[in-house]
N, C-alpha and C. Protein backbone atom coordinates (compact mmCIF):
# COMPACT_ATOMS: atom_id res chain seq x y z
N UNK A 1 -30.12 20.17 -37.64
CA UNK A 1 -29.79 19.74 -38.92
C UNK A 1 -28.44 20.13 -39.38
N UNK A 2 -28.05 21.40 -38.99
CA UNK A 2 -26.74 21.86 -39.41
C UNK A 2 -25.62 21.04 -38.69
N UNK A 3 -25.86 20.59 -37.55
CA UNK A 3 -24.90 19.74 -36.90
C UNK A 3 -24.56 18.45 -37.66
N UNK A 4 -25.68 17.90 -38.24
CA UNK A 4 -25.45 16.62 -39.03
C UNK A 4 -24.73 16.93 -40.27
N UNK A 5 -25.09 18.09 -40.95
CA UNK A 5 -24.35 18.44 -42.13
C UNK A 5 -22.92 18.67 -41.85
N UNK A 6 -22.61 19.47 -40.76
CA UNK A 6 -21.18 19.69 -40.45
C UNK A 6 -20.43 18.44 -40.13
N UNK A 7 -21.09 17.59 -39.40
CA UNK A 7 -20.37 16.31 -39.01
C UNK A 7 -20.11 15.40 -40.20
N UNK A 8 -21.09 15.42 -41.16
CA UNK A 8 -20.91 14.66 -42.38
C UNK A 8 -19.75 15.16 -43.17
N UNK A 9 -19.48 16.42 -43.15
CA UNK A 9 -18.31 17.03 -43.81
C UNK A 9 -17.07 16.98 -42.94
N UNK A 10 -17.17 16.32 -41.82
CA UNK A 10 -15.90 16.28 -40.96
C UNK A 10 -15.70 17.50 -40.15
N UNK A 11 -16.62 18.42 -40.10
CA UNK A 11 -16.54 19.65 -39.34
C UNK A 11 -17.36 19.56 -38.05
N UNK A 12 -16.73 19.31 -36.98
CA UNK A 12 -17.45 19.20 -35.73
C UNK A 12 -16.51 19.57 -34.58
N UNK A 13 -17.17 19.99 -33.49
CA UNK A 13 -16.39 20.42 -32.31
C UNK A 13 -16.29 19.22 -31.45
N UNK A 14 -15.08 19.12 -30.88
CA UNK A 14 -14.88 18.04 -29.94
C UNK A 14 -15.67 18.36 -28.67
N UNK A 15 -16.09 17.33 -27.93
CA UNK A 15 -16.80 17.51 -26.67
C UNK A 15 -15.93 18.29 -25.68
N UNK A 16 -16.46 19.31 -25.12
CA UNK A 16 -15.65 20.02 -24.05
C UNK A 16 -16.49 19.95 -22.75
N UNK A 17 -15.77 19.49 -21.74
CA UNK A 17 -16.37 19.43 -20.41
C UNK A 17 -16.90 20.79 -20.02
N UNK A 18 -18.05 20.83 -19.35
CA UNK A 18 -18.55 22.17 -18.92
C UNK A 18 -17.61 22.69 -17.83
N UNK A 19 -17.67 24.00 -17.70
CA UNK A 19 -16.83 24.70 -16.75
C UNK A 19 -17.78 25.20 -15.65
N UNK A 20 -17.38 25.08 -14.48
CA UNK A 20 -18.22 25.59 -13.34
C UNK A 20 -17.48 26.72 -12.68
N UNK A 21 -18.20 27.82 -12.65
CA UNK A 21 -17.62 29.06 -12.03
C UNK A 21 -18.34 29.33 -10.76
N UNK A 22 -17.61 29.57 -9.74
CA UNK A 22 -18.15 30.06 -8.38
C UNK A 22 -17.62 31.42 -8.11
N UNK A 23 -17.94 31.98 -7.01
CA UNK A 23 -17.51 33.27 -6.58
C UNK A 23 -16.01 33.32 -6.47
N UNK A 24 -15.40 32.09 -6.06
CA UNK A 24 -13.98 32.18 -5.78
C UNK A 24 -13.06 31.39 -6.69
N UNK A 25 -13.67 30.55 -7.54
CA UNK A 25 -12.78 29.78 -8.41
C UNK A 25 -13.55 29.25 -9.68
N UNK A 26 -12.80 28.70 -10.61
CA UNK A 26 -13.31 28.08 -11.76
C UNK A 26 -12.86 26.69 -11.81
N UNK A 27 -13.81 25.71 -12.06
CA UNK A 27 -13.49 24.31 -12.07
C UNK A 27 -13.80 23.74 -13.48
N UNK A 28 -12.84 22.90 -14.02
CA UNK A 28 -13.08 22.38 -15.35
C UNK A 28 -13.01 20.85 -15.41
N UNK A 29 -12.30 20.19 -14.51
CA UNK A 29 -12.22 18.70 -14.62
C UNK A 29 -13.51 18.16 -13.93
N UNK A 30 -13.96 17.00 -14.38
CA UNK A 30 -15.10 16.33 -13.89
C UNK A 30 -14.97 16.15 -12.34
N UNK A 31 -13.77 15.77 -11.89
CA UNK A 31 -13.55 15.51 -10.43
C UNK A 31 -13.75 16.83 -9.67
N UNK A 32 -13.16 17.93 -10.15
CA UNK A 32 -13.26 19.21 -9.53
C UNK A 32 -14.74 19.66 -9.45
N UNK A 33 -15.41 19.51 -10.54
CA UNK A 33 -16.81 19.89 -10.60
C UNK A 33 -17.66 19.07 -9.64
N UNK A 34 -17.41 17.73 -9.56
CA UNK A 34 -18.19 16.81 -8.68
C UNK A 34 -17.91 17.25 -7.23
N UNK A 35 -16.65 17.51 -6.95
CA UNK A 35 -16.24 17.90 -5.55
C UNK A 35 -16.92 19.22 -5.15
N UNK A 36 -16.88 20.19 -6.10
CA UNK A 36 -17.58 21.46 -5.83
C UNK A 36 -19.01 21.31 -5.52
N UNK A 37 -19.74 20.51 -6.39
CA UNK A 37 -21.12 20.30 -6.17
C UNK A 37 -21.41 19.57 -4.87
N UNK A 38 -20.58 18.55 -4.58
CA UNK A 38 -20.68 17.81 -3.33
C UNK A 38 -20.52 18.63 -2.12
N UNK A 39 -19.52 19.59 -2.15
CA UNK A 39 -19.24 20.46 -1.03
C UNK A 39 -20.42 21.44 -0.90
N UNK A 40 -21.02 21.83 -2.00
CA UNK A 40 -22.17 22.77 -1.90
C UNK A 40 -23.36 22.05 -1.24
N UNK A 41 -23.65 20.81 -1.66
CA UNK A 41 -24.74 20.03 -1.01
C UNK A 41 -24.43 19.88 0.49
N UNK A 42 -23.12 19.46 0.81
CA UNK A 42 -22.75 19.30 2.23
C UNK A 42 -23.02 20.56 3.03
N UNK A 43 -22.68 21.70 2.45
CA UNK A 43 -22.88 23.00 3.16
C UNK A 43 -24.28 23.33 3.32
N UNK A 44 -25.11 23.09 2.36
CA UNK A 44 -26.54 23.36 2.48
C UNK A 44 -27.15 22.48 3.50
N UNK A 45 -26.75 21.22 3.63
CA UNK A 45 -27.34 20.26 4.49
C UNK A 45 -26.75 20.25 5.93
N UNK A 46 -25.78 21.05 6.17
CA UNK A 46 -25.18 21.13 7.46
C UNK A 46 -26.11 21.85 8.42
N UNK A 47 -25.89 21.61 9.73
CA UNK A 47 -26.59 22.25 10.76
C UNK A 47 -26.46 23.79 10.77
N UNK A 48 -25.39 24.30 10.15
CA UNK A 48 -25.14 25.79 10.11
C UNK A 48 -26.17 26.46 9.33
N UNK A 49 -26.90 25.69 8.38
CA UNK A 49 -27.96 26.30 7.57
C UNK A 49 -29.32 26.34 8.20
N UNK A 50 -29.46 25.74 9.42
CA UNK A 50 -30.80 25.71 10.07
C UNK A 50 -30.92 26.78 11.16
N UNK A 51 -32.17 27.13 11.36
CA UNK A 51 -32.41 28.13 12.46
C UNK A 51 -32.21 27.43 13.79
N UNK A 52 -32.05 28.23 14.77
CA UNK A 52 -31.91 27.70 16.16
C UNK A 52 -33.19 26.89 16.62
N UNK A 53 -34.33 27.44 16.26
CA UNK A 53 -35.59 26.80 16.64
C UNK A 53 -35.70 25.36 15.98
N UNK A 54 -35.31 25.31 14.67
CA UNK A 54 -35.40 24.03 13.98
C UNK A 54 -34.36 23.10 14.62
N UNK A 55 -33.15 23.55 14.88
CA UNK A 55 -32.18 22.66 15.48
C UNK A 55 -32.62 22.04 16.82
N UNK A 56 -33.34 22.85 17.64
CA UNK A 56 -33.93 22.38 18.91
C UNK A 56 -34.84 21.11 18.63
N UNK A 57 -35.74 21.40 17.70
CA UNK A 57 -36.72 20.43 17.31
C UNK A 57 -36.06 19.17 16.75
N UNK A 58 -35.09 19.42 15.87
CA UNK A 58 -34.43 18.31 15.21
C UNK A 58 -33.64 17.48 16.29
N UNK A 59 -32.92 18.08 17.19
CA UNK A 59 -32.17 17.39 18.14
C UNK A 59 -33.07 16.60 19.15
N UNK A 60 -34.21 17.17 19.44
CA UNK A 60 -35.17 16.43 20.34
C UNK A 60 -35.72 15.26 19.60
N UNK A 61 -36.07 15.40 18.35
CA UNK A 61 -36.62 14.24 17.57
C UNK A 61 -35.51 13.17 17.45
N UNK A 62 -34.33 13.61 17.15
CA UNK A 62 -33.25 12.60 16.99
C UNK A 62 -32.80 11.88 18.17
N UNK A 63 -33.08 12.47 19.40
CA UNK A 63 -32.69 11.88 20.61
C UNK A 63 -33.63 10.78 21.06
N UNK A 64 -34.83 10.69 20.43
CA UNK A 64 -35.80 9.69 20.74
C UNK A 64 -35.45 8.45 19.87
N UNK A 65 -35.19 7.31 20.58
CA UNK A 65 -34.73 6.12 19.83
C UNK A 65 -36.07 5.49 19.19
N UNK A 66 -35.82 4.93 18.03
CA UNK A 66 -36.93 4.38 17.32
C UNK A 66 -36.78 2.79 17.43
N UNK A 67 -37.92 2.19 17.95
CA UNK A 67 -37.90 0.81 18.10
C UNK A 67 -38.90 0.13 17.14
N UNK A 68 -38.39 -0.52 16.15
CA UNK A 68 -39.28 -1.08 15.17
C UNK A 68 -39.90 -2.30 15.64
N UNK A 69 -39.29 -3.09 16.58
CA UNK A 69 -39.75 -4.34 16.94
C UNK A 69 -40.79 -4.29 18.12
N UNK A 70 -41.21 -3.12 18.52
CA UNK A 70 -42.16 -2.99 19.71
C UNK A 70 -43.51 -3.46 19.32
N UNK A 71 -44.31 -3.96 20.23
CA UNK A 71 -45.71 -4.34 20.02
C UNK A 71 -46.60 -3.16 20.10
N UNK A 72 -46.08 -2.01 20.67
CA UNK A 72 -46.88 -0.81 20.77
C UNK A 72 -47.13 -0.22 19.41
N UNK A 73 -48.37 0.21 19.15
CA UNK A 73 -48.82 0.77 17.90
C UNK A 73 -48.32 2.24 17.74
N UNK A 74 -47.10 2.44 17.27
CA UNK A 74 -46.56 3.76 17.09
C UNK A 74 -46.83 4.20 15.65
N UNK A 75 -46.82 5.53 15.42
CA UNK A 75 -47.15 5.96 14.07
C UNK A 75 -46.24 5.30 12.91
N UNK A 76 -45.02 5.14 13.22
CA UNK A 76 -44.12 4.60 12.18
C UNK A 76 -44.24 3.16 12.03
N UNK A 77 -44.94 2.49 12.94
CA UNK A 77 -45.21 1.01 12.84
C UNK A 77 -46.65 0.68 12.35
N UNK A 78 -47.45 1.76 12.11
CA UNK A 78 -48.80 1.51 11.78
C UNK A 78 -48.90 1.03 10.33
N UNK A 79 -49.90 0.27 9.97
CA UNK A 79 -50.15 -0.11 8.57
C UNK A 79 -50.46 1.08 7.69
N UNK A 80 -50.08 0.98 6.46
CA UNK A 80 -50.42 2.00 5.50
C UNK A 80 -51.85 2.12 5.32
N UNK A 81 -52.36 3.34 5.14
CA UNK A 81 -53.77 3.58 4.96
C UNK A 81 -54.10 3.95 3.56
N UNK A 82 -55.30 3.77 3.12
CA UNK A 82 -55.70 4.02 1.77
C UNK A 82 -55.40 5.47 1.35
N UNK A 83 -55.70 6.43 2.18
CA UNK A 83 -55.43 7.82 1.79
C UNK A 83 -53.90 8.03 1.55
N UNK A 84 -53.08 7.31 2.25
CA UNK A 84 -51.56 7.45 2.08
C UNK A 84 -51.23 6.81 0.71
N UNK A 85 -51.81 5.73 0.36
CA UNK A 85 -51.51 5.06 -0.92
C UNK A 85 -51.95 6.03 -2.10
N UNK A 86 -53.14 6.50 -1.93
CA UNK A 86 -53.67 7.41 -3.02
C UNK A 86 -52.88 8.69 -3.07
N UNK A 87 -52.43 9.19 -1.96
CA UNK A 87 -51.64 10.43 -2.02
C UNK A 87 -50.26 10.08 -2.65
N UNK A 88 -49.63 9.00 -2.31
CA UNK A 88 -48.43 8.65 -2.97
C UNK A 88 -48.59 8.47 -4.45
N UNK A 89 -49.64 7.82 -4.89
CA UNK A 89 -49.92 7.61 -6.25
C UNK A 89 -50.15 8.92 -7.06
N UNK A 90 -50.90 9.83 -6.36
CA UNK A 90 -51.18 11.14 -6.97
C UNK A 90 -49.91 11.97 -7.21
N UNK A 91 -48.85 11.78 -6.29
CA UNK A 91 -47.65 12.54 -6.42
C UNK A 91 -46.59 11.82 -7.23
N UNK A 92 -46.89 10.65 -7.72
CA UNK A 92 -45.90 9.93 -8.53
C UNK A 92 -45.80 10.45 -9.93
N UNK A 93 -44.70 10.36 -10.52
CA UNK A 93 -44.60 10.80 -11.96
C UNK A 93 -44.66 9.52 -12.92
N UNK A 94 -45.00 9.84 -14.12
CA UNK A 94 -45.07 8.79 -15.08
C UNK A 94 -43.70 8.43 -15.60
N UNK A 95 -43.02 7.55 -14.94
CA UNK A 95 -41.73 7.09 -15.34
C UNK A 95 -41.83 5.64 -15.94
N UNK A 96 -40.73 5.15 -16.44
CA UNK A 96 -40.76 3.84 -17.00
C UNK A 96 -41.09 2.84 -15.99
N UNK A 97 -41.82 1.81 -16.30
CA UNK A 97 -42.14 0.75 -15.33
C UNK A 97 -40.95 -0.08 -14.92
N UNK A 98 -41.04 -0.70 -13.77
CA UNK A 98 -40.00 -1.60 -13.21
C UNK A 98 -40.06 -2.93 -13.94
N UNK A 99 -39.31 -3.92 -13.38
CA UNK A 99 -39.33 -5.22 -14.08
C UNK A 99 -40.69 -5.87 -14.23
N UNK A 100 -41.60 -5.50 -13.35
CA UNK A 100 -43.00 -6.10 -13.40
C UNK A 100 -43.82 -5.49 -14.52
N UNK A 101 -43.36 -4.40 -15.13
CA UNK A 101 -44.15 -3.81 -16.21
C UNK A 101 -45.31 -2.95 -15.80
N UNK A 102 -45.46 -2.74 -14.51
CA UNK A 102 -46.57 -1.96 -13.97
C UNK A 102 -46.22 -0.53 -13.82
N UNK A 103 -46.97 0.40 -14.41
CA UNK A 103 -46.69 1.82 -14.35
C UNK A 103 -47.55 2.47 -13.23
N UNK A 104 -47.11 3.67 -12.84
CA UNK A 104 -47.86 4.41 -11.82
C UNK A 104 -49.25 4.78 -12.47
N UNK A 105 -49.28 5.07 -13.74
CA UNK A 105 -50.55 5.38 -14.41
C UNK A 105 -51.51 4.25 -14.30
N UNK A 106 -51.07 3.03 -14.45
CA UNK A 106 -51.96 1.87 -14.32
C UNK A 106 -52.50 1.80 -12.89
N UNK A 107 -51.61 2.05 -11.87
CA UNK A 107 -52.05 1.93 -10.51
C UNK A 107 -53.06 3.03 -10.18
N UNK A 108 -52.80 4.27 -10.76
CA UNK A 108 -53.75 5.36 -10.43
C UNK A 108 -55.14 5.11 -10.98
N UNK A 109 -55.32 4.26 -11.99
CA UNK A 109 -56.59 4.03 -12.65
C UNK A 109 -57.23 2.71 -12.17
N UNK A 110 -56.68 2.08 -11.12
CA UNK A 110 -57.29 0.90 -10.52
C UNK A 110 -58.61 1.29 -9.73
N UNK A 111 -59.55 0.38 -9.66
CA UNK A 111 -60.78 0.66 -8.93
C UNK A 111 -60.49 0.47 -7.44
N UNK A 112 -61.42 0.86 -6.59
CA UNK A 112 -61.19 0.83 -5.14
C UNK A 112 -60.90 -0.53 -4.61
N UNK A 113 -61.54 -1.53 -5.17
CA UNK A 113 -61.31 -2.99 -4.74
C UNK A 113 -59.94 -3.41 -5.04
N UNK A 114 -59.41 -3.10 -6.23
CA UNK A 114 -58.07 -3.47 -6.60
C UNK A 114 -57.05 -2.68 -5.77
N UNK A 115 -57.29 -1.45 -5.56
CA UNK A 115 -56.38 -0.62 -4.67
C UNK A 115 -56.30 -1.20 -3.29
N UNK A 116 -57.50 -1.69 -2.79
CA UNK A 116 -57.49 -2.25 -1.45
C UNK A 116 -56.72 -3.55 -1.39
N UNK A 117 -56.69 -4.30 -2.45
CA UNK A 117 -55.86 -5.53 -2.48
C UNK A 117 -54.37 -5.18 -2.51
N UNK A 118 -54.05 -4.16 -3.36
CA UNK A 118 -52.65 -3.73 -3.38
C UNK A 118 -52.19 -3.27 -1.98
N UNK A 119 -53.07 -2.52 -1.31
CA UNK A 119 -52.75 -2.01 0.02
C UNK A 119 -52.51 -3.16 1.01
N UNK A 120 -53.36 -4.13 0.93
CA UNK A 120 -53.21 -5.28 1.77
C UNK A 120 -51.89 -6.02 1.52
N UNK A 121 -51.51 -6.11 0.24
CA UNK A 121 -50.17 -6.67 -0.10
C UNK A 121 -49.04 -5.87 0.51
N UNK A 122 -49.02 -4.53 0.27
CA UNK A 122 -48.06 -3.68 0.86
C UNK A 122 -48.00 -3.86 2.38
N UNK A 123 -49.11 -3.81 3.07
CA UNK A 123 -49.09 -3.97 4.54
C UNK A 123 -48.57 -5.28 4.94
N UNK A 124 -48.87 -6.33 4.21
CA UNK A 124 -48.35 -7.68 4.56
C UNK A 124 -46.84 -7.70 4.47
N UNK A 125 -46.32 -7.12 3.39
CA UNK A 125 -44.92 -7.08 3.18
C UNK A 125 -44.23 -6.24 4.26
N UNK A 126 -44.89 -5.13 4.65
CA UNK A 126 -44.34 -4.27 5.76
C UNK A 126 -44.36 -5.00 7.09
N UNK A 127 -45.48 -5.62 7.40
CA UNK A 127 -45.72 -6.22 8.76
C UNK A 127 -44.78 -7.52 8.86
N UNK A 128 -44.61 -8.26 7.80
CA UNK A 128 -43.88 -9.49 7.86
C UNK A 128 -42.37 -9.28 7.56
N UNK A 129 -42.04 -8.10 7.27
CA UNK A 129 -40.71 -7.68 6.95
C UNK A 129 -40.11 -8.60 5.74
N UNK A 130 -40.95 -8.79 4.78
CA UNK A 130 -40.57 -9.58 3.62
C UNK A 130 -40.71 -8.73 2.39
N UNK A 131 -39.89 -9.06 1.38
CA UNK A 131 -40.12 -8.35 0.19
C UNK A 131 -40.01 -9.44 -0.97
N UNK A 132 -40.91 -9.36 -1.91
CA UNK A 132 -40.93 -10.41 -2.97
C UNK A 132 -39.52 -10.55 -3.62
N UNK A 133 -39.20 -11.74 -3.95
CA UNK A 133 -37.99 -11.98 -4.73
C UNK A 133 -38.30 -11.89 -6.21
N UNK A 134 -37.32 -11.80 -7.04
CA UNK A 134 -37.63 -11.68 -8.51
C UNK A 134 -38.28 -12.88 -9.06
């Protein structure tokens, strides 16, 4: 309330960009702050942050090529299953609906038959490599 009273009287502080302080420097411009945060994310995501055991597993997994067009039923080519849909819905947050107006809350309250139809739709889209247009 006092902010409104002060601004009505013409007494207000100008917006000041936040300052970011690290162990070695202080950043005040939006570009400097963005670069500092980006460098921090890059550092955390780099291979230097991983254990040797994890790097071995990661390199082994990444050396295996993924073939999406194969007829062989590999785990990443399998149709989605009901428990995966339910798990995804249970971990979803209540955010604003998309252009279709459907919320996660609505989907979580569907009966089994309706969920089964949704699952068939998702699997058809996945298997036929199609996505609905607007």
